[in-house]
Structures are given as C-alpha cells and as structure tokens.
N, C-alpha and C. Protein backbone atom coordinates (compact mmCIF):
# COMPACT_ATOMS: atom_id res chain seq x y z
N MET A 1 25.02 -9.11 -65.12
CA MET A 1 26.37 -9.37 -64.65
C MET A 1 26.75 -8.31 -63.62
N VAL A 2 27.53 -8.75 -62.63
CA VAL A 2 27.99 -7.89 -61.54
C VAL A 2 29.51 -7.76 -61.65
N ASP A 3 30.01 -6.54 -61.66
CA ASP A 3 31.45 -6.32 -61.68
C ASP A 3 32.03 -6.72 -60.33
N VAL A 4 33.16 -7.44 -60.37
CA VAL A 4 33.84 -7.87 -59.14
C VAL A 4 35.33 -7.57 -59.27
N ASN A 5 36.00 -7.60 -58.12
CA ASN A 5 37.45 -7.46 -58.06
C ASN A 5 38.01 -8.66 -57.32
N LEU A 6 39.21 -9.02 -57.69
CA LEU A 6 39.92 -10.04 -56.93
C LEU A 6 40.36 -9.36 -55.64
N SER A 7 39.86 -9.85 -54.51
CA SER A 7 40.17 -9.18 -53.25
C SER A 7 41.25 -9.87 -52.44
N ARG A 8 41.41 -11.18 -52.64
CA ARG A 8 42.39 -11.92 -51.85
C ARG A 8 42.78 -13.21 -52.52
N VAL A 9 44.02 -13.61 -52.30
CA VAL A 9 44.51 -14.93 -52.67
C VAL A 9 45.03 -15.55 -51.38
N VAL A 10 44.49 -16.70 -51.02
CA VAL A 10 44.91 -17.38 -49.79
C VAL A 10 45.67 -18.63 -50.18
N LEU A 11 46.94 -18.66 -49.76
CA LEU A 11 47.83 -19.78 -50.09
C LEU A 11 48.14 -20.56 -48.83
N TYR A 12 47.87 -21.85 -48.87
CA TYR A 12 48.19 -22.75 -47.75
C TYR A 12 49.34 -23.64 -48.17
N GLU A 13 50.50 -23.43 -47.57
CA GLU A 13 51.69 -24.22 -47.90
C GLU A 13 51.40 -25.71 -47.71
N GLY A 14 51.73 -26.50 -48.72
CA GLY A 14 51.58 -27.95 -48.64
C GLY A 14 50.17 -28.45 -48.92
N ALA A 15 49.22 -27.57 -49.10
CA ALA A 15 47.85 -27.98 -49.40
C ALA A 15 47.64 -28.04 -50.90
N ASN A 16 46.69 -28.86 -51.35
CA ASN A 16 46.41 -28.93 -52.78
C ASN A 16 45.19 -28.09 -53.15
N ARG A 17 44.62 -27.40 -52.17
CA ARG A 17 43.47 -26.51 -52.41
C ARG A 17 43.83 -25.13 -51.90
N GLN A 18 43.68 -24.16 -52.77
CA GLN A 18 43.94 -22.77 -52.43
C GLN A 18 42.65 -21.99 -52.70
N TYR A 19 42.62 -20.73 -52.29
CA TYR A 19 41.39 -19.94 -52.42
C TYR A 19 41.68 -18.58 -53.01
N ILE A 20 40.76 -18.15 -53.87
CA ILE A 20 40.73 -16.75 -54.29
C ILE A 20 39.37 -16.21 -53.87
N TYR A 21 39.35 -14.95 -53.53
CA TYR A 21 38.11 -14.29 -53.11
C TYR A 21 37.78 -13.18 -54.08
N LEU A 22 36.54 -13.17 -54.54
CA LEU A 22 36.05 -12.11 -55.40
C LEU A 22 35.04 -11.29 -54.61
N ARG A 23 35.08 -9.96 -54.80
CA ARG A 23 34.20 -9.05 -54.06
C ARG A 23 33.52 -8.12 -55.06
N GLU A 24 32.25 -7.87 -54.80
CA GLU A 24 31.52 -6.92 -55.63
C GLU A 24 32.26 -5.59 -55.71
N ALA A 25 32.35 -5.02 -56.91
CA ALA A 25 33.01 -3.73 -57.07
C ALA A 25 32.21 -2.62 -56.40
N GLU A 26 30.90 -2.74 -56.46
CA GLU A 26 30.02 -1.71 -55.89
C GLU A 26 29.13 -2.31 -54.81
N GLY A 27 29.70 -3.08 -53.92
CA GLY A 27 28.91 -3.71 -52.87
C GLY A 27 29.78 -4.35 -51.83
N GLU A 28 29.14 -5.11 -50.96
CA GLU A 28 29.84 -5.72 -49.82
C GLU A 28 29.99 -7.22 -49.94
N ARG A 29 29.27 -7.84 -50.88
CA ARG A 29 29.30 -9.29 -50.94
C ARG A 29 30.59 -9.81 -51.55
N SER A 30 31.01 -10.97 -51.06
CA SER A 30 32.19 -11.62 -51.61
C SER A 30 31.99 -13.12 -51.55
N PHE A 31 32.83 -13.85 -52.26
CA PHE A 31 32.77 -15.31 -52.21
C PHE A 31 34.12 -15.87 -52.59
N ALA A 32 34.35 -17.09 -52.14
CA ALA A 32 35.61 -17.78 -52.40
C ALA A 32 35.43 -18.83 -53.49
N ILE A 33 36.50 -19.03 -54.24
CA ILE A 33 36.56 -20.10 -55.21
C ILE A 33 37.78 -20.94 -54.86
N VAL A 34 37.59 -22.23 -54.73
CA VAL A 34 38.70 -23.14 -54.47
C VAL A 34 39.40 -23.40 -55.80
N ILE A 35 40.73 -23.23 -55.80
CA ILE A 35 41.50 -23.44 -57.02
C ILE A 35 42.73 -24.28 -56.71
N GLY A 36 43.39 -24.70 -57.74
CA GLY A 36 44.61 -25.49 -57.58
C GLY A 36 45.80 -24.65 -57.17
N THR A 37 46.80 -25.32 -56.65
CA THR A 37 47.99 -24.64 -56.17
C THR A 37 48.73 -23.91 -57.28
N THR A 38 48.90 -24.54 -58.42
CA THR A 38 49.62 -23.92 -59.53
C THR A 38 48.96 -22.62 -59.94
N GLU A 39 47.64 -22.64 -60.09
CA GLU A 39 46.93 -21.45 -60.51
C GLU A 39 46.99 -20.36 -59.44
N ALA A 40 46.88 -20.75 -58.17
CA ALA A 40 46.92 -19.77 -57.08
C ALA A 40 48.28 -19.08 -57.04
N TYR A 41 49.35 -19.84 -57.17
CA TYR A 41 50.68 -19.22 -57.16
C TYR A 41 50.90 -18.35 -58.39
N GLU A 42 50.33 -18.75 -59.51
CA GLU A 42 50.44 -17.94 -60.72
C GLU A 42 49.69 -16.62 -60.56
N ILE A 43 48.50 -16.65 -59.99
CA ILE A 43 47.74 -15.42 -59.73
C ILE A 43 48.50 -14.54 -58.75
N ALA A 44 49.02 -15.12 -57.69
CA ALA A 44 49.79 -14.34 -56.71
C ALA A 44 51.03 -13.73 -57.36
N ARG A 45 51.67 -14.45 -58.26
CA ARG A 45 52.85 -13.94 -58.96
C ARG A 45 52.50 -12.69 -59.78
N VAL A 46 51.35 -12.73 -60.46
CA VAL A 46 50.93 -11.58 -61.26
C VAL A 46 50.64 -10.38 -60.36
N ILE A 47 49.98 -10.62 -59.25
CA ILE A 47 49.67 -9.53 -58.32
C ILE A 47 50.96 -8.89 -57.79
N ARG A 48 51.96 -9.71 -57.51
CA ARG A 48 53.23 -9.21 -56.98
C ARG A 48 54.14 -8.64 -58.07
N SER A 49 53.72 -8.72 -59.31
CA SER A 49 54.57 -8.30 -60.45
C SER A 49 55.91 -9.02 -60.40
N ASP A 50 55.84 -10.33 -60.26
CA ASP A 50 57.02 -11.17 -60.12
C ASP A 50 57.06 -12.17 -61.27
N PRO A 51 57.52 -11.75 -62.45
CA PRO A 51 57.48 -12.67 -63.60
C PRO A 51 58.48 -13.81 -63.44
N PRO A 52 58.12 -14.98 -63.94
CA PRO A 52 59.07 -16.10 -63.93
C PRO A 52 60.15 -15.86 -64.97
N LYS A 53 61.23 -16.62 -64.88
CA LYS A 53 62.33 -16.47 -65.84
C LYS A 53 61.89 -16.82 -67.26
N ARG A 54 61.01 -17.80 -67.37
CA ARG A 54 60.46 -18.23 -68.66
C ARG A 54 58.94 -18.21 -68.56
N PRO A 55 58.25 -17.97 -69.67
CA PRO A 55 56.78 -17.90 -69.61
C PRO A 55 56.16 -19.24 -69.19
N LEU A 56 55.26 -19.16 -68.23
CA LEU A 56 54.47 -20.32 -67.84
C LEU A 56 53.20 -20.34 -68.69
N THR A 57 52.36 -21.32 -68.50
CA THR A 57 51.22 -21.56 -69.38
C THR A 57 50.31 -20.34 -69.54
N HIS A 58 49.94 -19.68 -68.44
CA HIS A 58 49.01 -18.54 -68.55
C HIS A 58 49.65 -17.38 -69.30
N GLU A 59 50.91 -17.14 -69.03
CA GLU A 59 51.63 -16.07 -69.74
C GLU A 59 51.76 -16.42 -71.22
N LEU A 60 52.06 -17.67 -71.50
CA LEU A 60 52.18 -18.12 -72.89
C LEU A 60 50.87 -17.92 -73.64
N LEU A 61 49.77 -18.31 -73.04
CA LEU A 61 48.47 -18.13 -73.69
C LEU A 61 48.16 -16.66 -73.91
N TYR A 62 48.41 -15.83 -72.89
CA TYR A 62 48.16 -14.40 -73.03
C TYR A 62 49.00 -13.81 -74.16
N ARG A 63 50.27 -14.16 -74.21
CA ARG A 63 51.15 -13.65 -75.28
C ARG A 63 50.69 -14.14 -76.66
N THR A 64 50.19 -15.36 -76.71
CA THR A 64 49.69 -15.91 -77.98
C THR A 64 48.46 -15.14 -78.45
N ILE A 65 47.55 -14.86 -77.53
CA ILE A 65 46.36 -14.08 -77.87
C ILE A 65 46.78 -12.73 -78.46
N GLN A 66 47.74 -12.08 -77.82
CA GLN A 66 48.23 -10.80 -78.32
C GLN A 66 48.94 -10.95 -79.67
N ALA A 67 49.74 -12.00 -79.82
CA ALA A 67 50.54 -12.18 -81.03
C ALA A 67 49.68 -12.37 -82.28
N VAL A 68 48.49 -12.93 -82.11
CA VAL A 68 47.61 -13.13 -83.26
C VAL A 68 46.67 -11.95 -83.46
N GLY A 69 46.95 -10.84 -82.75
CA GLY A 69 46.19 -9.61 -82.96
C GLY A 69 44.88 -9.54 -82.22
N SER A 70 44.72 -10.35 -81.20
CA SER A 70 43.48 -10.34 -80.42
C SER A 70 43.73 -9.70 -79.07
N GLU A 71 42.65 -9.43 -78.35
CA GLU A 71 42.79 -8.88 -77.00
C GLU A 71 41.80 -9.54 -76.06
N VAL A 72 42.23 -9.72 -74.82
CA VAL A 72 41.35 -10.24 -73.77
C VAL A 72 40.54 -9.06 -73.27
N ILE A 73 39.22 -9.16 -73.35
CA ILE A 73 38.38 -8.03 -72.95
C ILE A 73 37.63 -8.27 -71.65
N GLY A 74 37.66 -9.48 -71.11
CA GLY A 74 37.00 -9.72 -69.84
C GLY A 74 36.86 -11.18 -69.50
N VAL A 75 36.46 -11.38 -68.25
CA VAL A 75 36.17 -12.71 -67.74
C VAL A 75 34.80 -12.66 -67.09
N ASP A 76 33.97 -13.63 -67.42
CA ASP A 76 32.65 -13.76 -66.81
C ASP A 76 32.56 -15.11 -66.11
N ILE A 77 32.20 -15.09 -64.84
CA ILE A 77 31.87 -16.34 -64.15
C ILE A 77 30.38 -16.50 -64.34
N VAL A 78 30.02 -17.51 -65.11
CA VAL A 78 28.67 -17.58 -65.67
C VAL A 78 27.71 -18.51 -64.93
N ARG A 79 28.24 -19.51 -64.22
CA ARG A 79 27.32 -20.38 -63.49
C ARG A 79 28.05 -21.13 -62.39
N LEU A 80 27.23 -21.68 -61.50
CA LEU A 80 27.70 -22.48 -60.37
C LEU A 80 26.84 -23.72 -60.32
N GLU A 81 27.49 -24.88 -60.47
CA GLU A 81 26.78 -26.15 -60.44
C GLU A 81 27.51 -27.12 -59.53
N ARG A 82 26.84 -27.61 -58.51
CA ARG A 82 27.43 -28.58 -57.58
C ARG A 82 28.82 -28.15 -57.10
N ASP A 83 28.90 -26.94 -56.60
CA ASP A 83 30.13 -26.37 -56.05
C ASP A 83 31.24 -26.18 -57.08
N THR A 84 30.92 -26.20 -58.35
CA THR A 84 31.89 -25.94 -59.40
C THR A 84 31.49 -24.68 -60.16
N TYR A 85 32.45 -23.76 -60.27
CA TYR A 85 32.22 -22.51 -61.01
C TYR A 85 32.66 -22.69 -62.46
N TYR A 86 31.92 -22.04 -63.35
CA TYR A 86 32.23 -22.07 -64.78
C TYR A 86 32.42 -20.64 -65.25
N ALA A 87 33.42 -20.45 -66.10
CA ALA A 87 33.74 -19.10 -66.56
C ALA A 87 33.90 -19.07 -68.07
N SER A 88 33.85 -17.85 -68.59
CA SER A 88 34.13 -17.59 -70.00
C SER A 88 35.21 -16.52 -70.08
N LEU A 89 36.21 -16.78 -70.87
CA LEU A 89 37.22 -15.79 -71.19
C LEU A 89 36.73 -15.10 -72.45
N ARG A 90 36.56 -13.78 -72.37
CA ARG A 90 36.06 -13.04 -73.53
C ARG A 90 37.25 -12.44 -74.28
N VAL A 91 37.37 -12.81 -75.55
CA VAL A 91 38.48 -12.38 -76.40
C VAL A 91 37.90 -11.74 -77.66
N ARG A 92 38.52 -10.62 -78.06
CA ARG A 92 38.11 -9.98 -79.31
C ARG A 92 39.22 -10.18 -80.34
N PRO A 93 38.92 -10.98 -81.38
CA PRO A 93 39.89 -11.12 -82.47
C PRO A 93 40.08 -9.78 -83.18
N ASP A 94 41.22 -9.58 -83.78
CA ASP A 94 41.52 -8.33 -84.48
C ASP A 94 40.41 -8.00 -85.48
N GLY A 95 39.71 -6.92 -85.22
CA GLY A 95 38.65 -6.47 -86.12
C GLY A 95 37.39 -7.31 -86.10
N GLY A 96 37.28 -8.23 -85.16
CA GLY A 96 36.13 -9.13 -85.14
C GLY A 96 35.22 -8.92 -83.96
N GLU A 97 34.22 -9.75 -83.91
CA GLU A 97 33.27 -9.75 -82.80
C GLU A 97 33.86 -10.54 -81.63
N PRO A 98 33.52 -10.15 -80.40
CA PRO A 98 34.02 -10.89 -79.24
C PRO A 98 33.63 -12.37 -79.28
N VAL A 99 34.54 -13.19 -78.78
CA VAL A 99 34.34 -14.64 -78.71
C VAL A 99 34.43 -15.04 -77.25
N GLU A 100 33.54 -15.93 -76.81
CA GLU A 100 33.58 -16.45 -75.45
C GLU A 100 34.20 -17.84 -75.48
N ILE A 101 35.21 -18.04 -74.62
CA ILE A 101 35.91 -19.31 -74.56
C ILE A 101 35.69 -19.91 -73.18
N ASP A 102 35.16 -21.12 -73.13
CA ASP A 102 34.93 -21.81 -71.86
C ASP A 102 36.26 -21.97 -71.13
N ALA A 103 36.26 -21.65 -69.84
CA ALA A 103 37.51 -21.73 -69.07
C ALA A 103 37.22 -21.96 -67.60
N ARG A 104 38.20 -22.51 -66.90
CA ARG A 104 38.10 -22.56 -65.46
C ARG A 104 38.29 -21.14 -64.94
N PRO A 105 37.58 -20.76 -63.89
CA PRO A 105 37.76 -19.39 -63.37
C PRO A 105 39.21 -19.05 -63.04
N SER A 106 39.92 -19.99 -62.45
CA SER A 106 41.31 -19.70 -62.06
C SER A 106 42.18 -19.38 -63.28
N ASP A 107 42.04 -20.15 -64.35
CA ASP A 107 42.82 -19.88 -65.57
C ASP A 107 42.41 -18.56 -66.19
N ALA A 108 41.11 -18.32 -66.29
CA ALA A 108 40.63 -17.08 -66.88
C ALA A 108 41.09 -15.87 -66.09
N ILE A 109 41.04 -15.95 -64.77
CA ILE A 109 41.46 -14.82 -63.93
C ILE A 109 42.96 -14.61 -64.05
N ALA A 110 43.76 -15.67 -64.10
CA ALA A 110 45.21 -15.53 -64.26
C ALA A 110 45.53 -14.79 -65.56
N ILE A 111 44.78 -15.04 -66.60
CA ILE A 111 44.98 -14.35 -67.87
C ILE A 111 44.44 -12.93 -67.80
N ALA A 112 43.27 -12.75 -67.21
CA ALA A 112 42.65 -11.42 -67.12
C ALA A 112 43.49 -10.44 -66.32
N LEU A 113 44.15 -10.92 -65.29
CA LEU A 113 45.00 -10.02 -64.50
C LEU A 113 46.13 -9.45 -65.35
N ARG A 114 46.65 -10.25 -66.26
CA ARG A 114 47.69 -9.75 -67.17
C ARG A 114 47.12 -8.70 -68.11
N ALA A 115 45.90 -8.92 -68.57
CA ALA A 115 45.27 -8.01 -69.51
C ALA A 115 44.65 -6.79 -68.83
N ARG A 116 44.55 -6.84 -67.51
CA ARG A 116 43.92 -5.77 -66.73
C ARG A 116 42.52 -5.47 -67.27
N CYS A 117 41.77 -6.55 -67.45
CA CYS A 117 40.41 -6.41 -67.98
C CYS A 117 39.39 -6.72 -66.89
N PRO A 118 38.13 -6.37 -67.12
CA PRO A 118 37.09 -6.55 -66.09
C PRO A 118 36.77 -8.00 -65.77
N LEU A 119 36.42 -8.21 -64.51
CA LEU A 119 35.90 -9.49 -64.03
C LEU A 119 34.44 -9.27 -63.69
N ARG A 120 33.59 -10.19 -64.17
CA ARG A 120 32.16 -10.10 -63.87
C ARG A 120 31.65 -11.45 -63.43
N VAL A 121 30.56 -11.40 -62.66
CA VAL A 121 29.92 -12.62 -62.18
C VAL A 121 28.43 -12.52 -62.47
N ALA A 122 27.85 -13.60 -62.95
CA ALA A 122 26.40 -13.62 -63.16
C ALA A 122 25.69 -13.36 -61.83
N ARG A 123 24.66 -12.56 -61.87
CA ARG A 123 23.92 -12.21 -60.64
C ARG A 123 23.46 -13.45 -59.88
N ALA A 124 22.99 -14.46 -60.59
CA ALA A 124 22.52 -15.69 -59.92
C ALA A 124 23.67 -16.39 -59.19
N VAL A 125 24.87 -16.31 -59.74
CA VAL A 125 26.03 -16.94 -59.09
C VAL A 125 26.38 -16.20 -57.81
N ILE A 126 26.46 -14.89 -57.88
CA ILE A 126 26.83 -14.16 -56.67
C ILE A 126 25.73 -14.24 -55.64
N ASP A 127 24.48 -14.29 -56.06
CA ASP A 127 23.38 -14.46 -55.10
C ASP A 127 23.49 -15.79 -54.37
N ALA A 128 23.89 -16.83 -55.09
CA ALA A 128 24.00 -18.15 -54.47
C ALA A 128 25.25 -18.34 -53.64
N ALA A 129 26.34 -17.71 -54.04
CA ALA A 129 27.63 -17.99 -53.44
C ALA A 129 28.10 -16.97 -52.40
N ALA A 130 27.58 -15.77 -52.47
CA ALA A 130 28.14 -14.67 -51.68
C ALA A 130 27.84 -14.76 -50.20
N THR A 131 28.80 -14.25 -49.45
CA THR A 131 28.64 -14.03 -48.03
C THR A 131 28.73 -12.53 -47.81
N ASP A 132 28.06 -12.05 -46.82
CA ASP A 132 28.10 -10.60 -46.56
C ASP A 132 29.28 -10.22 -45.71
C-alpha cells in the first residue's frame, strides 16, 4: 500500500461528474477519481471546515461509528476495474480487530477526512492510474 493525500477537489458547476485528485505522500505521482456532485461538495465542505446546519449522510455515518465506540482508522483504495475504483473503509470496533467495509472511494474519503485518518492506495492501482 502507498500512502496518499487528497491534493485537489475540482468542482464543475452544473456538471454531474466531479474530480478528486490523490497524490503520493512520498512521491510525485497523482491520479484523479471521478465522483458524484454530492460527494464532491461534501468533501469540499469538510476541507473548508464548513459544517452544514444538520448532519448529512457522511457526517451521520461518522457520528454513528463514534457513538458505538468504534473508530475509523483508514481508507484503502484496493483495486481498479474498468475505470471503477474500489475502496475499503477500515474501522476498529471498541476493543476489537479492525474491520474492512466495502465502500465507494468518495464516500470513504468523505468519512476519512472527518476522522483525519490515513489514505492508502494499492501499489497496482497507483501504477495503473497515476500520472507523473
């Protein structure tokens, strides 16, 4: 696994496809993931520290994870198939072993940003997707 950082969120007004860019933490390679508008605006909101008046879905899920005594410990983007990225949200139940939950990268990243936990990408994914 390769540690990455969210480097950019690109929002196109009126478009139904938005982009997030992930960049190697210790390197130069980066790649874009196409995501939905709702998720892109939610990620941008977290980056700007601009909470909504009421919890939206990602905030609700994050608060629920915390309320049951668990913690989000990371996000792994685990594979790329036919231009679709697959991710796992890694959660540690209170006193338990970490659990991997299948998730869309955009949802997992929106939650991970709240938890301030690491983002990782499988080496094969970044090798296939990255641009220098």
